[in-house]
């Protein structure tokens, strides 16, 4: 299995920005999709953003226009740029990989994002 390690989380003020990074132990092109999920206290884990092997992206409605998923294939890195952060974005963010589209088989340990008002 691939190892995924997230970093970049922290405490920011509302309106601020963070860039989360996900370092994979092998080529991310070996997966049909890479993604970011998040889980806030008292809520179900939700899919935030995905990028397929071909570069197609999708976003949850709650983050459209504010978050951008990107990748650097040569560095085995996936990123989540988060702008205009809101307190509602507070959650643990997880990097994930899908060998089969929609089936998330590998997960990072998560990185905490806290947005203060």
C-alpha atoms as a PDB file:
ATOM      1  CA  UNK A   1       0.000   0.000   0.000  1.00  0.00           C
ATOM      2  CA  UNK A   2       0.977   3.592  -0.448  1.00  0.00           C
ATOM      3  CA  UNK A   3       1.881   5.766   2.506  1.00  0.00           C
ATOM      4  CA  UNK A   4       0.266   9.190   2.568  1.00  0.00           C
ATOM      5  CA  UNK A   5       1.461  11.916   4.891  1.00  0.00           C
ATOM      6  CA  UNK A   6      -0.407  15.188   5.222  1.00  0.00           C
ATOM      7  CA  UNK A   7       1.063  18.432   6.410  1.00  0.00           C
ATOM      8  CA  UNK A   8       0.259  22.111   6.397  1.00  0.00           C
ATOM      9  CA  UNK A   9      -2.614  22.244   8.832  1.00  0.00           C
ATOM     10  CA  UNK A  10      -2.791  24.741  11.614  1.00  0.00           C
ATOM     11  CA  UNK A  11      -4.696  27.576  13.180  1.00  0.00           C
ATOM     12  CA  UNK A  12      -5.745  30.456  10.968  1.00  0.00           C
ATOM     13  CA  UNK A  13      -8.144  33.335  11.178  1.00  0.00           C
ATOM     14  CA  UNK A  14     -11.291  33.472   9.115  1.00  0.00           C
ATOM     15  CA  UNK A  15     -10.503  34.774   5.662  1.00  0.00           C
ATOM     16  CA  UNK A  16      -7.005  33.377   5.742  1.00  0.00           C
ATOM     17  CA  UNK A  17      -5.374  30.705   3.634  1.00  0.00           C
ATOM     18  CA  UNK A  18      -3.591  27.413   4.080  1.00  0.00           C
ATOM     19  CA  UNK A  19      -2.024  24.973   1.684  1.00  0.00           C
ATOM     20  CA  UNK A  20      -2.189  21.344   2.679  1.00  0.00           C
ATOM     21  CA  UNK A  21       0.350  18.940   1.253  1.00  0.00           C
ATOM     22  CA  UNK A  22       0.148  15.197   0.820  1.00  0.00           C
ATOM     23  CA  UNK A  23       3.341  13.258   0.247  1.00  0.00           C
ATOM     24  CA  UNK A  24       2.886   9.827  -1.284  1.00  0.00           C
ATOM     25  CA  UNK A  25       5.443   7.061  -0.986  1.00  0.00           C
ATOM     26  CA  UNK A  26       5.125   6.156  -4.636  1.00  0.00           C
ATOM     27  CA  UNK A  27       3.825   7.595  -7.879  1.00  0.00           C
ATOM     28  CA  UNK A  28       0.379   9.100  -7.576  1.00  0.00           C
ATOM     29  CA  UNK A  29      -0.146   8.225 -11.225  1.00  0.00           C
ATOM     30  CA  UNK A  30      -0.619   4.674 -10.026  1.00  0.00           C
ATOM     31  CA  UNK A  31      -4.057   5.702  -8.771  1.00  0.00           C
ATOM     32  CA  UNK A  32      -7.218   6.526 -10.639  1.00  0.00           C
ATOM     33  CA  UNK A  33      -7.809   9.466  -8.321  1.00  0.00           C
ATOM     34  CA  UNK A  34      -6.379  11.397  -5.430  1.00  0.00           C
ATOM     35  CA  UNK A  35      -8.570  13.251  -3.026  1.00  0.00           C
ATOM     36  CA  UNK A  36      -9.055  15.213   0.118  1.00  0.00           C
ATOM     37  CA  UNK A  37     -11.683  14.405   2.720  1.00  0.00           C
ATOM     38  CA  UNK A  38     -12.446  16.147   5.954  1.00  0.00           C
ATOM     39  CA  UNK A  39     -14.254  15.330   9.145  1.00  0.00           C
ATOM     40  CA  UNK A  40     -15.506  17.922  11.564  1.00  0.00           C
ATOM     41  CA  UNK A  41     -16.579  17.162  15.112  1.00  0.00           C
ATOM     42  CA  UNK A  42     -20.058  15.721  15.176  1.00  0.00           C
ATOM     43  CA  UNK A  43     -20.234  15.355  11.409  1.00  0.00           C
ATOM     44  CA  UNK A  44     -19.742  12.618   8.877  1.00  0.00           C
ATOM     45  CA  UNK A  45     -16.567  12.507   6.873  1.00  0.00           C
ATOM     46  CA  UNK A  46     -17.094  14.294   3.607  1.00  0.00           C
ATOM     47  CA  UNK A  47     -15.315  14.357   0.304  1.00  0.00           C
ATOM     48  CA  UNK A  48     -13.903  17.804  -0.319  1.00  0.00           C
ATOM     49  CA  UNK A  49     -11.986  17.570  -3.574  1.00  0.00           C
ATOM     50  CA  UNK A  50     -10.808  14.986  -6.065  1.00  0.00           C
ATOM     51  CA  UNK A  51      -8.458  14.843  -8.993  1.00  0.00           C
ATOM     52  CA  UNK A  52      -8.478  11.924 -11.392  1.00  0.00           C
ATOM     53  CA  UNK A  53      -5.416  10.522 -13.085  1.00  0.00           C
ATOM     54  CA  UNK A  54      -6.438  12.477 -16.158  1.00  0.00           C
ATOM     55  CA  UNK A  55      -6.581  15.740 -14.230  1.00  0.00           C
ATOM     56  CA  UNK A  56     -10.322  16.175 -13.874  1.00  0.00           C
ATOM     57  CA  UNK A  57     -11.335  17.825 -10.619  1.00  0.00           C
ATOM     58  CA  UNK A  58     -14.468  17.922  -8.520  1.00  0.00           C
ATOM     59  CA  UNK A  59     -15.311  19.856  -5.397  1.00  0.00           C
ATOM     60  CA  UNK A  60     -17.908  19.828  -2.705  1.00  0.00           C
ATOM     61  CA  UNK A  61     -20.336  22.695  -3.110  1.00  0.00           C
ATOM     62  CA  UNK A  62     -19.265  24.088   0.234  1.00  0.00           C
ATOM     63  CA  UNK A  63     -15.717  24.719  -0.983  1.00  0.00           C
ATOM     64  CA  UNK A  64     -16.184  25.539  -4.658  1.00  0.00           C
ATOM     65  CA  UNK A  65     -14.423  28.718  -5.596  1.00  0.00           C
ATOM     66  CA  UNK A  66     -12.317  28.647  -2.446  1.00  0.00           C
ATOM     67  CA  UNK A  67     -10.355  25.381  -2.533  1.00  0.00           C
ATOM     68  CA  UNK A  68      -8.158  24.040  -5.307  1.00  0.00           C
ATOM     69  CA  UNK A  69      -6.680  20.570  -5.572  1.00  0.00           C
ATOM     70  CA  UNK A  70      -3.466  20.224  -7.519  1.00  0.00           C
ATOM     71  CA  UNK A  71      -0.584  17.826  -7.915  1.00  0.00           C
ATOM     72  CA  UNK A  72       3.056  17.509  -8.767  1.00  0.00           C
ATOM     73  CA  UNK A  73       3.464  14.087 -10.302  1.00  0.00           C
ATOM     74  CA  UNK A  74       7.249  14.258 -10.368  1.00  0.00           C
ATOM     75  CA  UNK A  75       7.340  14.874  -6.624  1.00  0.00           C
ATOM     76  CA  UNK A  76       4.500  12.484  -5.736  1.00  0.00           C
ATOM     77  CA  UNK A  77       2.696  15.370  -4.083  1.00  0.00           C
ATOM     78  CA  UNK A  78      -0.931  16.411  -3.899  1.00  0.00           C
ATOM     79  CA  UNK A  79      -1.990  19.786  -2.582  1.00  0.00           C
ATOM     80  CA  UNK A  80      -5.108  21.465  -1.361  1.00  0.00           C
ATOM     81  CA  UNK A  81      -5.006  25.230  -1.520  1.00  0.00           C
ATOM     82  CA  UNK A  82      -7.616  26.651   0.817  1.00  0.00           C
ATOM     83  CA  UNK A  83      -8.519  30.304   0.543  1.00  0.00           C
ATOM     84  CA  UNK A  84     -11.135  32.457   2.223  1.00  0.00           C
ATOM     85  CA  UNK A  85     -11.313  30.015   5.083  1.00  0.00           C
ATOM     86  CA  UNK A  86     -14.387  29.941   7.250  1.00  0.00           C
ATOM     87  CA  UNK A  87     -14.900  28.569  10.751  1.00  0.00           C
ATOM     88  CA  UNK A  88     -17.073  25.890   9.134  1.00  0.00           C
ATOM     89  CA  UNK A  89     -13.939  24.565   7.420  1.00  0.00           C
ATOM     90  CA  UNK A  90     -12.533  23.473  10.772  1.00  0.00           C
ATOM     91  CA  UNK A  91     -11.892  19.747  10.525  1.00  0.00           C
ATOM     92  CA  UNK A  92      -9.279  17.071  10.227  1.00  0.00           C
ATOM     93  CA  UNK A  93      -8.270  16.859   6.593  1.00  0.00           C
ATOM     94  CA  UNK A  94      -7.234  13.537   5.100  1.00  0.00           C
ATOM     95  CA  UNK A  95      -5.389  12.764   1.924  1.00  0.00           C
ATOM     96  CA  UNK A  96      -6.710   9.723   0.112  1.00  0.00           C
ATOM     97  CA  UNK A  97      -6.024   7.582  -2.922  1.00  0.00           C
ATOM     98  CA  UNK A  98      -8.367   5.531  -5.066  1.00  0.00           C
ATOM     99  CA  UNK A  99      -7.112   2.650  -7.157  1.00  0.00           C
ATOM    100  CA  UNK A 100     -10.638   2.351  -8.480  1.00  0.00           C
ATOM    101  CA  UNK A 101     -12.688   5.476  -9.067  1.00  0.00           C
ATOM    102  CA  UNK A 102     -14.883   6.261  -6.043  1.00  0.00           C
ATOM    103  CA  UNK A 103     -13.224   3.563  -3.926  1.00  0.00           C
ATOM    104  CA  UNK A 104     -10.799   5.163  -1.496  1.00  0.00           C
ATOM    105  CA  UNK A 105      -8.332   2.503  -0.447  1.00  0.00           C
ATOM    106  CA  UNK A 106      -5.467   4.439   1.121  1.00  0.00           C
ATOM    107  CA  UNK A 107      -5.561   7.168   3.716  1.00  0.00           C
ATOM    108  CA  UNK A 108      -3.204   9.510   5.433  1.00  0.00           C
ATOM    109  CA  UNK A 109      -3.322  10.177   9.155  1.00  0.00           C
ATOM    110  CA  UNK A 110      -4.888  13.573   8.739  1.00  0.00           C
ATOM    111  CA  UNK A 111      -3.926  17.126   9.535  1.00  0.00           C
ATOM    112  CA  UNK A 112      -5.966  19.430  11.731  1.00  0.00           C
ATOM    113  CA  UNK A 113      -7.240  22.681  10.299  1.00  0.00           C
ATOM    114  CA  UNK A 114      -8.787  25.109  12.741  1.00  0.00           C
ATOM    115  CA  UNK A 115     -10.292  28.360  11.564  1.00  0.00           C
ATOM    116  CA  UNK A 116     -11.015  30.915  14.235  1.00  0.00           C
ATOM    117  CA  UNK A 117     -13.582  33.655  13.945  1.00  0.00           C
END
